[in-house]
N, C-alpha and C. Protein backbone atom coordinates (compact mmCIF):
# COMPACT_ATOMS: atom_id res chain seq x y z
N MET A 1 112.83 127.27 50.81
CA MET A 1 114.17 127.47 51.27
C MET A 1 114.20 128.67 52.23
N PRO A 2 114.77 128.55 53.41
CA PRO A 2 114.81 129.67 54.34
C PRO A 2 115.75 130.76 53.86
N SER A 3 115.38 131.98 54.17
CA SER A 3 116.20 133.12 53.79
C SER A 3 117.40 133.23 54.74
N THR A 4 118.56 133.54 54.19
CA THR A 4 119.75 133.71 55.01
C THR A 4 119.96 135.17 55.39
N GLN A 5 119.13 136.07 54.84
CA GLN A 5 119.25 137.48 55.17
C GLN A 5 118.61 137.76 56.52
N LYS A 6 119.26 138.64 57.28
CA LYS A 6 118.69 139.05 58.56
C LYS A 6 117.52 139.97 58.30
N SER A 7 116.46 139.82 59.10
CA SER A 7 115.37 140.78 58.97
C SER A 7 115.79 142.03 59.72
N ARG A 8 115.54 143.16 59.15
CA ARG A 8 115.97 144.43 59.73
C ARG A 8 114.77 145.17 60.29
N ARG A 9 114.98 145.78 61.42
CA ARG A 9 113.92 146.57 62.05
C ARG A 9 113.71 147.88 61.29
N TYR A 10 114.80 148.45 60.78
CA TYR A 10 114.74 149.72 60.08
C TYR A 10 115.35 149.59 58.69
N THR A 11 114.84 150.38 57.77
CA THR A 11 115.38 150.44 56.42
C THR A 11 116.77 151.06 56.47
N ARG A 12 117.69 150.48 55.71
CA ARG A 12 119.06 150.99 55.65
C ARG A 12 119.27 151.70 54.32
N VAL A 13 120.10 152.76 54.35
CA VAL A 13 120.44 153.51 53.15
C VAL A 13 121.96 153.54 53.03
N SER A 14 122.46 153.11 51.87
CA SER A 14 123.90 153.15 51.60
C SER A 14 124.32 154.57 51.25
N LEU A 15 125.43 154.99 51.77
CA LEU A 15 125.99 156.31 51.47
C LEU A 15 127.38 156.11 50.88
N PRO A 16 127.46 155.82 49.57
CA PRO A 16 128.74 155.49 48.95
C PRO A 16 129.81 156.57 49.15
N LYS A 17 129.41 157.82 49.15
CA LYS A 17 130.38 158.89 49.34
C LYS A 17 130.64 159.14 50.83
N GLY A 18 129.81 158.56 51.67
CA GLY A 18 129.96 158.73 53.11
C GLY A 18 129.57 160.11 53.57
N THR A 19 129.37 160.24 54.84
CA THR A 19 129.14 161.53 55.48
C THR A 19 130.00 161.52 56.74
N PRO A 20 130.65 162.62 57.06
CA PRO A 20 131.54 162.62 58.22
C PRO A 20 130.79 162.39 59.54
N VAL A 21 131.42 161.64 60.41
CA VAL A 21 130.89 161.41 61.76
C VAL A 21 132.06 161.53 62.73
N ALA A 22 131.86 162.33 63.77
CA ALA A 22 132.86 162.44 64.83
C ALA A 22 132.42 161.49 65.95
N TRP A 23 133.37 160.73 66.46
CA TRP A 23 133.02 159.79 67.52
C TRP A 23 134.14 159.69 68.54
N GLU A 24 133.76 159.25 69.73
CA GLU A 24 134.71 159.14 70.83
C GLU A 24 134.57 157.80 71.51
N HIS A 25 135.73 157.20 71.81
CA HIS A 25 135.77 155.92 72.50
C HIS A 25 136.99 155.93 73.41
N ALA A 26 136.80 155.59 74.67
CA ALA A 26 137.89 155.50 75.64
C ALA A 26 138.74 156.77 75.67
N GLY A 27 138.07 157.92 75.59
CA GLY A 27 138.76 159.20 75.68
C GLY A 27 139.46 159.66 74.41
N LYS A 28 139.39 158.87 73.36
CA LYS A 28 140.03 159.24 72.08
C LYS A 28 138.96 159.66 71.09
N ARG A 29 139.20 160.77 70.40
CA ARG A 29 138.24 161.28 69.41
C ARG A 29 138.76 161.00 68.01
N LYS A 30 137.82 160.64 67.14
CA LYS A 30 138.16 160.34 65.74
C LYS A 30 137.07 160.88 64.84
N VAL A 31 137.40 161.04 63.56
CA VAL A 31 136.43 161.40 62.53
C VAL A 31 136.52 160.33 61.45
N SER A 32 135.37 159.79 61.08
CA SER A 32 135.29 158.73 60.08
C SER A 32 134.14 159.03 59.14
N SER A 33 133.78 158.05 58.29
CA SER A 33 132.68 158.21 57.35
C SER A 33 131.56 157.22 57.62
N VAL A 34 130.33 157.72 57.56
CA VAL A 34 129.16 156.85 57.66
C VAL A 34 128.97 156.21 56.29
N ARG A 35 128.89 154.89 56.22
CA ARG A 35 128.69 154.18 54.95
C ARG A 35 127.26 153.68 54.79
N VAL A 36 126.61 153.37 55.92
CA VAL A 36 125.22 152.91 55.91
C VAL A 36 124.49 153.64 57.03
N LEU A 37 123.30 154.13 56.70
CA LEU A 37 122.51 154.93 57.63
C LEU A 37 121.16 154.26 57.84
N ALA A 38 120.70 154.22 59.10
CA ALA A 38 119.37 153.70 59.43
C ALA A 38 118.90 154.39 60.71
N LEU A 39 117.61 154.34 60.98
CA LEU A 39 117.10 154.92 62.21
C LEU A 39 117.65 154.22 63.45
N GLY A 40 118.02 152.97 63.31
CA GLY A 40 118.51 152.21 64.45
C GLY A 40 120.00 152.28 64.66
N GLY A 41 120.76 152.72 63.65
CA GLY A 41 122.21 152.76 63.79
C GLY A 41 122.92 153.07 62.49
N LEU A 42 124.23 152.86 62.50
CA LEU A 42 125.08 153.21 61.36
C LEU A 42 126.13 152.13 61.14
N PHE A 43 126.72 152.15 59.94
CA PHE A 43 127.98 151.45 59.74
C PHE A 43 129.00 152.54 59.47
N ILE A 44 130.03 152.59 60.32
CA ILE A 44 131.05 153.61 60.24
C ILE A 44 132.34 152.98 59.73
N ALA A 45 132.88 153.53 58.65
CA ALA A 45 134.15 153.04 58.10
C ALA A 45 135.29 153.57 58.95
N THR A 46 136.10 152.67 59.48
CA THR A 46 137.28 153.05 60.26
C THR A 46 138.23 151.85 60.31
N ALA A 47 139.51 152.11 60.21
CA ALA A 47 140.50 151.03 60.19
C ALA A 47 140.61 150.32 61.53
N THR A 48 140.42 151.05 62.62
CA THR A 48 140.59 150.46 63.94
C THR A 48 139.35 150.70 64.81
N PRO A 49 138.30 149.93 64.57
CA PRO A 49 137.07 150.10 65.37
C PRO A 49 137.23 149.56 66.78
N PRO A 50 136.45 150.11 67.71
CA PRO A 50 136.45 149.55 69.07
C PRO A 50 135.88 148.13 69.05
N PRO A 51 136.13 147.36 70.10
CA PRO A 51 135.60 146.00 70.15
C PRO A 51 134.08 145.95 70.30
N LYS A 52 133.52 144.87 69.79
CA LYS A 52 132.09 144.61 69.95
C LYS A 52 131.75 144.65 71.44
N GLY A 53 130.62 145.32 71.76
CA GLY A 53 130.18 145.40 73.14
C GLY A 53 130.56 146.71 73.82
N ASP A 54 131.50 147.46 73.23
CA ASP A 54 131.88 148.75 73.79
C ASP A 54 130.88 149.83 73.37
N PHE A 55 130.88 150.94 74.08
CA PHE A 55 130.02 152.08 73.75
C PHE A 55 130.85 153.22 73.19
N ILE A 56 130.25 153.98 72.27
CA ILE A 56 130.86 155.19 71.74
C ILE A 56 129.84 156.32 71.85
N THR A 57 130.33 157.54 71.79
CA THR A 57 129.45 158.69 71.60
C THR A 57 129.78 159.25 70.23
N LEU A 58 128.78 159.80 69.57
CA LEU A 58 129.00 160.28 68.20
C LEU A 58 128.15 161.49 67.89
N VAL A 59 128.56 162.21 66.85
CA VAL A 59 127.80 163.34 66.35
C VAL A 59 128.03 163.44 64.84
N PHE A 60 126.94 163.68 64.10
CA PHE A 60 127.04 163.92 62.67
C PHE A 60 125.95 164.89 62.26
N GLU A 61 126.18 165.56 61.16
CA GLU A 61 125.26 166.58 60.68
C GLU A 61 124.23 166.00 59.71
N VAL A 62 123.00 166.45 59.86
CA VAL A 62 121.91 166.13 58.93
C VAL A 62 121.21 167.45 58.64
N PRO A 63 120.39 167.51 57.60
CA PRO A 63 119.66 168.76 57.35
C PRO A 63 118.87 169.18 58.60
N GLY A 64 119.02 170.41 58.98
CA GLY A 64 118.30 170.92 60.14
C GLY A 64 119.09 170.87 61.44
N GLY A 65 120.28 170.30 61.43
CA GLY A 65 121.07 170.28 62.65
C GLY A 65 121.92 169.04 62.80
N SER A 66 122.30 168.76 64.03
CA SER A 66 123.17 167.61 64.27
C SER A 66 122.42 166.50 64.99
N VAL A 67 122.98 165.31 64.88
CA VAL A 67 122.49 164.14 65.61
C VAL A 67 123.60 163.73 66.56
N ARG A 68 123.31 163.76 67.84
CA ARG A 68 124.23 163.31 68.88
C ARG A 68 123.61 162.08 69.53
N ALA A 69 124.46 161.08 69.78
CA ALA A 69 123.93 159.84 70.35
C ALA A 69 125.01 159.07 71.10
N ARG A 70 124.56 158.18 71.92
CA ARG A 70 125.41 157.16 72.54
C ARG A 70 125.02 155.87 71.85
N ALA A 71 126.02 155.05 71.53
CA ALA A 71 125.73 153.86 70.73
C ALA A 71 126.58 152.67 71.18
N LEU A 72 126.03 151.49 70.94
CA LEU A 72 126.70 150.23 71.24
C LEU A 72 127.34 149.69 69.97
N VAL A 73 128.59 149.25 70.06
CA VAL A 73 129.26 148.61 68.91
C VAL A 73 128.73 147.18 68.83
N CYS A 74 128.01 146.89 67.76
CA CYS A 74 127.40 145.56 67.57
C CYS A 74 128.22 144.67 66.65
N ASP A 75 129.04 145.29 65.80
CA ASP A 75 129.86 144.56 64.84
C ASP A 75 131.16 145.33 64.69
N SER A 76 132.29 144.67 64.86
CA SER A 76 133.59 145.31 64.75
C SER A 76 134.46 144.51 63.79
N GLN A 77 134.86 145.14 62.68
CA GLN A 77 135.65 144.46 61.66
C GLN A 77 136.93 145.26 61.43
N ALA A 78 138.05 144.76 61.94
CA ALA A 78 139.33 145.45 61.78
C ALA A 78 139.60 145.71 60.30
N GLY A 79 140.02 146.92 60.01
CA GLY A 79 140.32 147.30 58.64
C GLY A 79 139.11 147.73 57.83
N LYS A 80 137.90 147.52 58.35
CA LYS A 80 136.68 147.87 57.63
C LYS A 80 135.84 148.89 58.38
N GLY A 81 135.45 148.57 59.61
CA GLY A 81 134.63 149.49 60.35
C GLY A 81 133.78 148.81 61.40
N MET A 82 132.73 149.53 61.80
CA MET A 82 131.87 149.02 62.87
C MET A 82 130.41 149.32 62.61
N GLY A 83 129.57 148.39 62.99
CA GLY A 83 128.14 148.59 62.99
C GLY A 83 127.74 148.99 64.39
N ILE A 84 127.02 150.09 64.51
CA ILE A 84 126.62 150.56 65.84
C ILE A 84 125.10 150.65 65.93
N GLU A 85 124.60 150.48 67.14
CA GLU A 85 123.17 150.61 67.42
C GLU A 85 122.98 151.79 68.36
N PHE A 86 122.11 152.73 67.96
CA PHE A 86 121.82 153.86 68.83
C PHE A 86 121.17 153.38 70.11
N LYS A 87 121.65 153.88 71.25
CA LYS A 87 121.06 153.53 72.54
C LYS A 87 120.38 154.73 73.18
N THR A 88 120.98 155.90 73.10
CA THR A 88 120.34 157.11 73.60
C THR A 88 120.54 158.24 72.60
N MET A 89 119.45 159.00 72.41
CA MET A 89 119.46 160.11 71.46
C MET A 89 118.32 161.04 71.86
N GLY A 90 118.56 162.34 71.79
CA GLY A 90 117.52 163.30 72.12
C GLY A 90 116.36 163.26 71.13
N GLN A 91 115.20 163.72 71.57
CA GLN A 91 114.01 163.70 70.72
C GLN A 91 114.19 164.55 69.46
N ASP A 92 114.82 165.72 69.58
CA ASP A 92 115.03 166.58 68.41
C ASP A 92 115.94 165.90 67.40
N ALA A 93 117.00 165.27 67.88
CA ALA A 93 117.93 164.57 66.99
C ALA A 93 117.22 163.41 66.30
N ARG A 94 116.41 162.66 67.05
CA ARG A 94 115.66 161.53 66.48
C ARG A 94 114.71 162.04 65.39
N ALA A 95 114.07 163.17 65.62
CA ALA A 95 113.14 163.74 64.63
C ALA A 95 113.90 164.16 63.37
N ARG A 96 115.08 164.77 63.52
CA ARG A 96 115.87 165.17 62.34
C ARG A 96 116.31 163.95 61.55
N LEU A 97 116.77 162.91 62.24
CA LEU A 97 117.19 161.68 61.57
C LEU A 97 116.01 161.01 60.88
N SER A 98 114.87 161.00 61.51
CA SER A 98 113.66 160.41 60.93
C SER A 98 113.24 161.14 59.65
N ARG A 99 113.28 162.48 59.69
CA ARG A 99 112.94 163.27 58.49
C ARG A 99 113.91 162.95 57.35
N LEU A 100 115.20 162.86 57.66
CA LEU A 100 116.18 162.53 56.63
C LEU A 100 115.91 161.14 56.04
N MET A 101 115.66 160.16 56.89
CA MET A 101 115.40 158.80 56.39
C MET A 101 114.14 158.77 55.54
N ASN A 102 113.11 159.50 55.92
CA ASN A 102 111.89 159.56 55.11
C ASN A 102 112.20 160.13 53.73
N THR A 103 113.02 161.16 53.69
CA THR A 103 113.41 161.75 52.40
C THR A 103 114.22 160.77 51.55
N LEU A 104 115.18 160.09 52.16
CA LEU A 104 116.07 159.20 51.42
C LEU A 104 115.38 157.92 50.95
N THR A 105 114.34 157.50 51.63
CA THR A 105 113.68 156.24 51.27
C THR A 105 112.41 156.41 50.44
N ARG A 106 112.06 157.65 50.11
CA ARG A 106 110.88 157.86 49.25
C ARG A 106 111.14 157.30 47.87
N VAL A 107 110.14 156.70 47.31
CA VAL A 107 110.26 156.12 45.97
C VAL A 107 109.82 157.11 44.92
């Protein structure tokens, strides 16, 4: 029987308590909660997400500093949130995010 689950490029980590993320779209700034974290992107809880295909800029704190990125909205669910894919991110931010993911995914 074929699997109906999508294969993921990166391991995802659920953050039930969320972590704050500041983001901007079309000149409007908002603060929401990250619900799922991965090296490739996030799921951000927000009642009014931008449409799929739009870009946002975002910043959130991780141990050792902040992660700033430009991201594509890949999934937009009114009343729930948005799945975003990182498109541009500095090397230092990528290294901080990678260290955090390694810590969170250790068995």
